[in-house]
């Protein structure tokens, strides 16, 4: 047979609300998740593929709103030459009977909802072995049936499943139950997995595609899908990443010493200035030590740069402050403010207090210094 091409994706989590993000950011992230469907379709056309495999968690919950699932079906139906093959994941499992019934009623012919663990014909000479998630948490390996599944001689065997793999783990911290050698024991030419939100190669024939649009700092970079080419039965697959995400997620660490210029150090770790910052979500973690004036300058510089980004999260909880006598003099040489500053400094450096108490005192002293500086300016 001729080679077979398809797109492997998973974990779109349509309808996710991003409640931990600022209100002005949520709408952009929600819309980008829906637009990932069009990005996947474009990837299929550019790869010369007619089939797209979605390895679970098309939706973020078992009860997506009507606009979420209706608009998803419309997006997938917009190009009838593309065939979508979808299994329920742990977030949108078969326990949501009403959801999958509604989807089945309105899905077009090119949208295949795979709700049974049974071989199905994808194309001439190609058999798909899908494993839908029946409930949120699996107690046993859902792919255990695949080795005994019978397919026609000479057919490509493609597995489709969702969940964690033994010795690797699960994105949601659930039990990892899928055997890492399932592709070998089930004679699969490829095993398409969902659950992990970054692309991970478990073996030559077993991959997590990751999500087509990143949704957390745990996985840096931009969302991708996998363009898979199977040259023929038994031949190693050719797997290529295709960028599908709009937003770039990243975490950078800025480690400081008191002698450093924090503004120069900050400029070195931030992405280059330009329009790309608008589609960048960045978590900046500061560690080490900084003198009190430098710390205030750094905080101001981060606040000044933040509006250029989609989201800039600043974490200075691991950054220690070096205090000098002149810093207290800048607050007040004598009087009530000086007494307050000395009291906070003593509490911040008192080993009798636990770390949390010392951090609170340090933060209060830093804030006092900032307020005095702002008033002086």
Protein backbone atom coordinates (compact mmCIF):
# COMPACT_ATOMS: atom_id res chain seq x y z
CA UNK A 1 0.00 0.00 0.00
CA UNK A 2 1.06 3.65 -0.36
CA UNK A 3 2.11 5.66 2.65
CA UNK A 4 -0.59 6.92 5.01
CA UNK A 5 -0.55 10.43 6.46
CA UNK A 6 -2.52 11.89 9.35
CA UNK A 7 -2.46 14.57 12.04
CA UNK A 8 -2.20 13.56 15.68
CA UNK A 9 -3.51 16.00 18.27
CA UNK A 10 -5.22 15.98 21.68
CA UNK A 11 -6.17 18.04 24.71
CA UNK A 12 -7.81 21.02 23.02
CA UNK A 13 -9.86 21.58 26.21
CA UNK A 14 -12.41 23.70 24.39
CA UNK A 15 -14.39 25.80 26.84
CA UNK A 16 -11.61 26.22 29.36
CA UNK A 17 -12.22 29.48 31.24
CA UNK A 18 -8.71 30.34 32.53
CA UNK A 19 -10.06 31.61 35.84
CA UNK A 20 -6.53 32.12 37.17
CA UNK A 21 -5.77 34.74 34.52
CA UNK A 22 -6.69 38.46 34.46
CA UNK A 23 -10.06 39.15 32.87
CA UNK A 24 -8.60 40.91 29.83
CA UNK A 25 -6.45 37.86 29.05
CA UNK A 26 -9.11 35.17 29.42
CA UNK A 27 -11.08 36.05 26.31
CA UNK A 28 -8.02 35.90 24.08
CA UNK A 29 -6.98 32.49 25.44
CA UNK A 30 -10.50 31.05 25.14
CA UNK A 31 -10.82 32.20 21.54
CA UNK A 32 -7.38 30.81 20.66
CA UNK A 33 -8.48 27.36 21.80
CA UNK A 34 -11.39 27.41 19.37
CA UNK A 35 -9.14 28.69 16.57
CA UNK A 36 -6.88 25.67 17.15
CA UNK A 37 -9.41 23.60 15.18
CA UNK A 38 -8.78 25.69 12.08
CA UNK A 39 -5.03 25.50 12.72
CA UNK A 40 -5.23 21.70 12.83
CA UNK A 41 -7.19 21.65 9.57
CA UNK A 42 -4.55 23.87 7.96
CA UNK A 43 -1.82 21.54 9.23
CA UNK A 44 -3.59 18.55 7.68
CA UNK A 45 -3.89 20.25 4.31
CA UNK A 46 -0.25 21.39 4.35
CA UNK A 47 0.87 17.85 5.24
CA UNK A 48 -1.28 16.26 2.55
CA UNK A 49 -3.36 14.43 5.16
CA UNK A 50 -7.10 13.80 5.11
CA UNK A 51 -7.38 12.40 8.63
CA UNK A 52 -7.04 14.04 12.06
CA UNK A 53 -6.86 11.95 15.24
CA UNK A 54 -7.93 13.67 18.48
CA UNK A 55 -6.70 11.59 21.41
CA UNK A 56 -9.18 12.80 24.01
CA UNK A 57 -10.14 15.94 25.91
CA UNK A 58 -11.63 17.79 22.99
CA UNK A 59 -13.62 19.60 25.70
CA UNK A 60 -12.44 20.86 29.07
CA UNK A 61 -15.41 19.46 30.99
CA UNK A 62 -18.19 16.93 30.63
CA UNK A 63 -20.67 19.81 30.44
CA UNK A 64 -19.40 22.34 27.88
CA UNK A 65 -21.81 25.12 27.04
CA UNK A 66 -23.94 24.76 23.92
CA UNK A 67 -21.96 27.41 21.97
CA UNK A 68 -18.69 25.59 22.72
CA UNK A 69 -19.65 22.19 21.34
CA UNK A 70 -21.94 23.48 18.56
CA UNK A 71 -19.24 25.81 17.22
CA UNK A 72 -16.66 23.03 17.46
CA UNK A 73 -18.81 20.76 15.31
CA UNK A 74 -19.31 23.57 12.78
CA UNK A 75 -15.56 24.19 12.59
CA UNK A 76 -14.80 20.53 11.92
CA UNK A 77 -17.57 20.29 9.32
CA UNK A 78 -16.34 23.33 7.39
CA UNK A 79 -14.06 21.18 5.20
CA UNK A 80 -15.82 17.89 4.38
CA UNK A 81 -12.66 16.47 2.77
CA UNK A 82 -11.07 16.18 6.23
CA UNK A 83 -11.99 13.28 8.50
CA UNK A 84 -11.91 13.84 12.29
CA UNK A 85 -11.54 10.80 14.57
CA UNK A 86 -12.28 11.65 18.21
CA UNK A 87 -12.24 9.69 21.47
CA UNK A 88 -13.51 10.92 24.86
CA UNK A 89 -10.72 11.75 27.32
CA UNK A 90 -10.74 11.95 31.08
CA UNK A 91 -12.12 15.52 31.09
CA UNK A 92 -14.97 14.73 28.67
CA UNK A 93 -15.40 11.02 29.37
CA UNK A 94 -18.26 8.77 28.32
CA UNK A 95 -19.76 9.36 31.75
CA UNK A 96 -21.15 12.50 30.09
CA UNK A 97 -23.79 10.51 28.22
CA UNK A 98 -25.87 13.58 27.34
CA UNK A 99 -22.90 15.33 25.75
CA UNK A 100 -21.90 12.47 23.50
CA UNK A 101 -25.52 11.83 22.56
CA UNK A 102 -25.95 15.45 21.45
CA UNK A 103 -22.67 15.37 19.56
CA UNK A 104 -23.74 12.18 17.81
CA UNK A 105 -27.04 13.71 16.74
CA UNK A 106 -25.50 16.78 15.11
CA UNK A 107 -22.05 15.66 13.95
CA UNK A 108 -21.52 15.65 10.19
CA UNK A 109 -20.35 12.55 8.33
CA UNK A 110 -16.71 13.64 8.46
CA UNK A 111 -16.72 13.74 12.28
CA UNK A 112 -16.32 10.28 13.80
CA UNK A 113 -17.10 9.97 17.51
CA UNK A 114 -15.43 6.81 18.75
CA UNK A 115 -17.32 5.68 21.83
CA UNK A 116 -16.50 1.95 21.70
CA UNK A 117 -13.22 0.08 22.07
CA UNK A 118 -13.42 -1.80 18.79
CA UNK A 119 -11.47 -1.79 15.51
CA UNK A 120 -12.80 0.56 12.85
CA UNK A 121 -11.73 1.14 9.27
CA UNK A 122 -10.20 4.56 8.66
CA UNK A 123 -9.22 4.12 5.03
CA UNK A 124 -8.23 1.39 2.62
CA UNK A 125 -5.67 -0.77 4.38
CA UNK A 126 -5.82 1.24 7.64
CA UNK A 127 -7.53 0.13 10.86
CA UNK A 128 -7.92 2.34 13.92
CA UNK A 129 -8.01 0.86 17.43
CA UNK A 130 -9.66 3.54 19.61
CA UNK A 131 -9.95 3.47 23.39
CA UNK A 132 -12.46 6.00 24.76
CA UNK A 133 -12.24 6.98 28.44
CA UNK A 134 -15.32 5.63 30.21
CA UNK A 135 -14.79 7.65 33.38
CA UNK A 136 -12.61 10.42 34.79
CA UNK A 137 -10.07 8.07 36.39
CA UNK A 138 -9.03 4.76 34.89
CA UNK A 139 -8.44 1.84 37.23
CA UNK A 140 -6.87 -0.37 34.56
CA UNK A 141 -4.99 -0.09 31.30
CA UNK A 142 -7.59 0.92 28.67
CA UNK A 143 -5.36 -0.34 25.87
CA UNK A 144 -5.14 -3.89 27.24
CA UNK A 145 -7.58 -5.13 24.59
CA UNK A 146 -5.45 -4.04 21.64
CA UNK A 147 -3.07 -7.05 21.41
CA UNK A 148 -6.05 -9.38 20.86
CA UNK A 149 -7.78 -7.10 18.33
CA UNK A 150 -7.94 -8.74 14.92
CA UNK A 151 -7.29 -6.73 11.77
CA UNK A 152 -6.86 -7.74 8.13
CA UNK A 153 -3.46 -8.93 7.00
CA UNK A 154 -1.34 -6.12 5.65
CA UNK A 155 -3.40 -3.39 7.34
CA UNK A 156 -1.77 -0.53 9.19
CA UNK A 157 -2.73 -0.68 12.88
CA UNK A 158 -3.08 2.69 14.63
CA UNK A 159 -3.92 2.95 18.33
CA UNK A 160 -5.70 5.95 19.84
CA UNK A 161 -5.84 6.38 23.63
CA UNK A 162 -5.81 8.87 26.48
CA UNK A 163 -4.06 8.57 29.83
CA UNK A 164 -0.77 8.29 31.64
CA UNK A 165 1.97 5.82 30.81
CA UNK A 166 3.74 3.68 33.40
CA UNK A 167 7.15 5.10 34.38
CA UNK A 168 6.25 8.47 32.88
CA UNK A 169 3.12 9.81 34.55
CA UNK A 170 -0.10 11.66 33.86
CA UNK A 171 -0.70 15.36 33.29
CA UNK A 172 -3.46 15.49 35.92
CA UNK A 173 -1.64 13.37 38.47
CA UNK A 174 -3.98 10.41 37.97
CA UNK A 175 -2.78 6.84 38.00
CA UNK A 176 -0.54 6.04 35.02
CA UNK A 177 -1.89 2.80 33.66
CA UNK A 178 -0.97 2.48 29.96
CA UNK A 179 1.84 0.03 29.28
CA UNK A 180 4.81 1.85 27.68
CA UNK A 181 5.40 -1.07 25.30
CA UNK A 182 1.81 -1.24 24.10
CA UNK A 183 2.75 -0.39 20.52
CA UNK A 184 5.02 -3.43 20.42
CA UNK A 185 2.70 -5.88 22.19
CA UNK A 186 -0.29 -4.83 20.08
CA UNK A 187 1.70 -4.76 16.82
CA UNK A 188 0.79 -1.11 16.29
CA UNK A 189 2.38 0.95 13.59
CA UNK A 190 1.66 4.01 15.72
CA UNK A 191 0.06 4.73 19.10
CA UNK A 192 -1.43 8.24 19.34
CA UNK A 193 -1.76 9.34 22.96
CA UNK A 194 -3.41 12.24 24.71
CA UNK A 195 -3.23 13.57 28.29
CA UNK A 196 0.22 15.18 28.43
CA UNK A 197 0.13 18.78 27.19
CA UNK A 198 3.58 18.79 25.63
CA UNK A 199 4.95 16.63 22.82
CA UNK A 200 6.64 13.60 24.36
CA UNK A 201 8.17 10.65 22.53
CA UNK A 202 7.62 7.51 24.62
CA UNK A 203 9.04 5.24 21.93
CA UNK A 204 9.59 5.12 18.20
CA UNK A 205 5.92 4.35 17.61
CA UNK A 206 4.35 6.01 20.68
CA UNK A 207 3.90 9.76 21.08
CA UNK A 208 1.95 12.28 23.09
CA UNK A 209 1.10 15.06 20.67
CA UNK A 210 0.64 17.76 23.29
CA UNK A 211 -2.03 20.40 22.99
CA UNK A 212 -2.29 22.54 19.85
CA UNK A 213 -2.55 25.65 22.03
CA UNK A 214 -0.55 25.80 25.26
CA UNK A 215 -2.57 26.50 28.39
CA UNK A 216 -0.12 26.62 31.31
CA UNK A 217 3.45 27.49 32.24
CA UNK A 218 4.26 23.85 32.89
CA UNK A 219 4.95 23.43 29.18
CA UNK A 220 6.97 26.20 27.59
CA UNK A 221 6.86 27.18 23.96
CA UNK A 222 4.04 27.21 21.46
CA UNK A 223 1.36 24.59 20.82
CA UNK A 224 2.01 21.97 18.15
CA UNK A 225 0.42 18.97 16.51
CA UNK A 226 2.18 15.97 15.01
CA UNK A 227 2.19 15.22 11.30
CA UNK A 228 2.65 11.46 11.06
CA UNK A 229 3.58 9.49 7.96
CA UNK A 230 3.39 5.68 7.98
CA UNK A 231 5.40 4.35 5.01
CA UNK A 232 3.84 0.90 5.34
CA UNK A 233 3.06 -1.91 7.79
CA UNK A 234 5.96 -2.44 10.18
CA UNK A 235 7.98 0.50 8.87
CA UNK A 236 9.05 3.16 11.41
CA UNK A 237 6.76 6.20 11.41
CA UNK A 238 8.00 9.64 10.39
CA UNK A 239 6.83 12.18 12.97
CA UNK A 240 7.10 15.94 12.46
CA UNK A 241 6.01 18.78 14.73
CA UNK A 242 3.85 21.47 13.14
CA UNK A 243 3.25 24.71 15.01
CA UNK A 244 -0.43 25.40 15.58
CA UNK A 245 -0.48 27.69 18.62
CA UNK A 246 -0.77 31.45 18.62
CA UNK A 247 0.58 32.05 22.10
CA UNK A 248 4.11 31.50 23.38
CA UNK A 249 4.38 30.42 27.03
CA UNK A 250 7.63 30.56 28.95
CA UNK A 251 9.30 30.66 32.34
CA UNK A 252 12.61 32.44 32.83
CA UNK A 253 14.73 32.72 35.96
CA UNK A 254 16.61 35.89 36.78
CA UNK A 255 19.32 35.17 39.35
CA UNK A 256 20.78 38.35 40.86
CA UNK A 257 23.71 39.37 43.05
CA UNK A 258 23.84 42.67 44.96
CA UNK A 259 26.57 43.97 42.63
CA UNK A 260 24.53 43.48 39.44
CA UNK A 261 22.53 46.11 37.62
CA UNK A 262 19.06 44.52 37.80
CA UNK A 263 17.71 46.49 34.86
CA UNK A 264 20.43 45.25 32.53
CA UNK A 265 19.93 41.72 33.80
CA UNK A 266 16.18 41.99 33.24
CA UNK A 267 16.63 43.22 29.68
CA UNK A 268 18.80 40.19 28.89
CA UNK A 269 16.17 37.62 29.93
CA UNK A 270 13.04 39.28 28.54
CA UNK A 271 12.01 38.45 24.95
CA UNK A 272 13.03 41.07 22.42
CA UNK A 273 10.81 44.10 22.16
CA UNK A 274 8.28 43.99 19.38
CA UNK A 275 4.78 42.84 18.45
CA UNK A 276 5.54 39.22 19.45
CA UNK A 277 5.30 40.24 23.10
CA UNK A 278 1.55 40.72 22.67
CA UNK A 279 1.18 36.95 22.18
CA UNK A 280 3.63 35.99 24.92
CA UNK A 281 2.77 34.76 28.41
CA UNK A 282 5.84 34.87 30.63
CA UNK A 283 6.53 33.88 34.20
CA UNK A 284 9.57 35.71 35.58
CA UNK A 285 11.12 34.13 38.68
CA UNK A 286 13.72 36.22 40.49
CA UNK A 287 16.22 34.55 42.82
CA UNK A 288 19.41 35.50 44.61
CA UNK A 289 19.99 38.84 46.34
CA UNK A 290 19.43 42.48 45.46
CA UNK A 291 20.04 45.72 47.30
CA UNK A 292 16.89 47.48 48.41
CA UNK A 293 17.00 50.30 45.82
CA UNK A 294 17.76 47.80 43.08
CA UNK A 295 14.80 45.67 44.10
CA UNK A 296 12.47 48.65 43.88
CA UNK A 297 13.88 49.59 40.47
CA UNK A 298 13.44 46.04 39.25
CA UNK A 299 9.82 45.88 40.37
CA UNK A 300 9.12 49.16 38.61
CA UNK A 301 10.77 47.98 35.40
CA UNK A 302 8.72 44.78 35.38
CA UNK A 303 5.52 46.77 35.91
CA UNK A 304 6.49 49.10 33.07
CA UNK A 305 7.12 46.19 30.67
CA UNK A 306 4.06 44.13 31.62
CA UNK A 307 1.51 45.95 29.38
CA UNK A 308 3.49 44.91 26.29
CA UNK A 309 2.84 41.22 27.06
CA UNK A 310 -0.32 39.18 26.90
CA UNK A 311 0.54 38.29 30.50
CA UNK A 312 3.65 38.84 32.62
CA UNK A 313 3.72 37.06 35.96
CA UNK A 314 6.36 38.30 38.40
CA UNK A 315 7.54 36.09 41.27
CA UNK A 316 10.15 37.60 43.58
CA UNK A 317 9.41 35.37 46.56
CA UNK A 318 12.85 33.77 46.30
CA UNK A 319 14.72 37.06 45.97
CA UNK A 320 16.44 38.17 49.15
CA UNK A 321 17.03 41.83 50.00
CA UNK A 322 20.36 43.23 51.14
CA UNK A 323 19.81 46.16 53.51
CA UNK A 324 22.35 48.86 54.29
CA UNK A 325 22.25 51.72 56.78
CA UNK A 326 21.77 54.34 54.08
CA UNK A 327 18.64 52.56 52.90
CA UNK A 328 17.00 53.19 56.27
CA UNK A 329 18.26 56.79 56.18
CA UNK A 330 16.41 57.23 52.88
CA UNK A 331 13.20 56.23 54.65
CA UNK A 332 13.77 58.53 57.59
CA UNK A 333 16.82 59.61 59.57
CA UNK A 334 14.81 59.65 62.79
CA UNK A 335 11.23 59.69 63.93
CA UNK A 336 8.29 57.31 63.58
CA UNK A 337 9.10 56.05 60.09
CA UNK A 338 12.67 55.27 61.12
CA UNK A 339 11.46 53.34 64.16
CA UNK A 340 9.01 51.41 62.00
CA UNK A 341 11.72 50.60 59.46
CA UNK A 342 14.14 49.41 62.14
CA UNK A 343 11.44 47.28 63.71
CA UNK A 344 10.58 45.63 60.40
CA UNK A 345 14.25 45.03 59.61
CA UNK A 346 14.79 43.39 63.00
CA UNK A 347 11.79 41.15 62.47
CA UNK A 348 12.89 40.25 58.94
CA UNK A 349 16.29 39.14 60.25
CA UNK A 350 15.19 37.50 63.51
CA UNK A 351 15.87 33.72 63.33
CA UNK A 352 13.25 33.17 66.03
CA UNK A 353 10.52 33.90 63.51
CA UNK A 354 9.60 31.34 60.86
CA UNK A 355 10.37 32.01 57.22
CA UNK A 356 6.85 33.19 56.42
CA UNK A 357 6.90 35.80 59.18
CA UNK A 358 10.30 37.06 58.06
CA UNK A 359 9.09 37.29 54.47
CA UNK A 360 6.05 39.34 55.53
CA UNK A 361 8.24 41.76 57.48
CA UNK A 362 10.69 42.03 54.57
CA UNK A 363 7.88 42.73 52.12
CA UNK A 364 6.47 45.42 54.42
CA UNK A 365 9.87 47.11 54.71
CA UNK A 366 10.35 47.00 50.94
CA UNK A 367 6.92 48.51 50.45
CA UNK A 368 7.64 51.27 52.97
CA UNK A 369 10.84 52.13 51.14
CA UNK A 370 8.94 52.23 47.82
CA UNK A 371 6.25 54.53 49.18
CA UNK A 372 8.81 56.96 50.56
CA UNK A 373 10.67 56.95 47.24
CA UNK A 374 7.44 57.57 45.31
CA UNK A 375 6.51 60.48 47.57
CA UNK A 376 9.97 62.01 47.18
CA UNK A 377 9.73 61.85 43.42
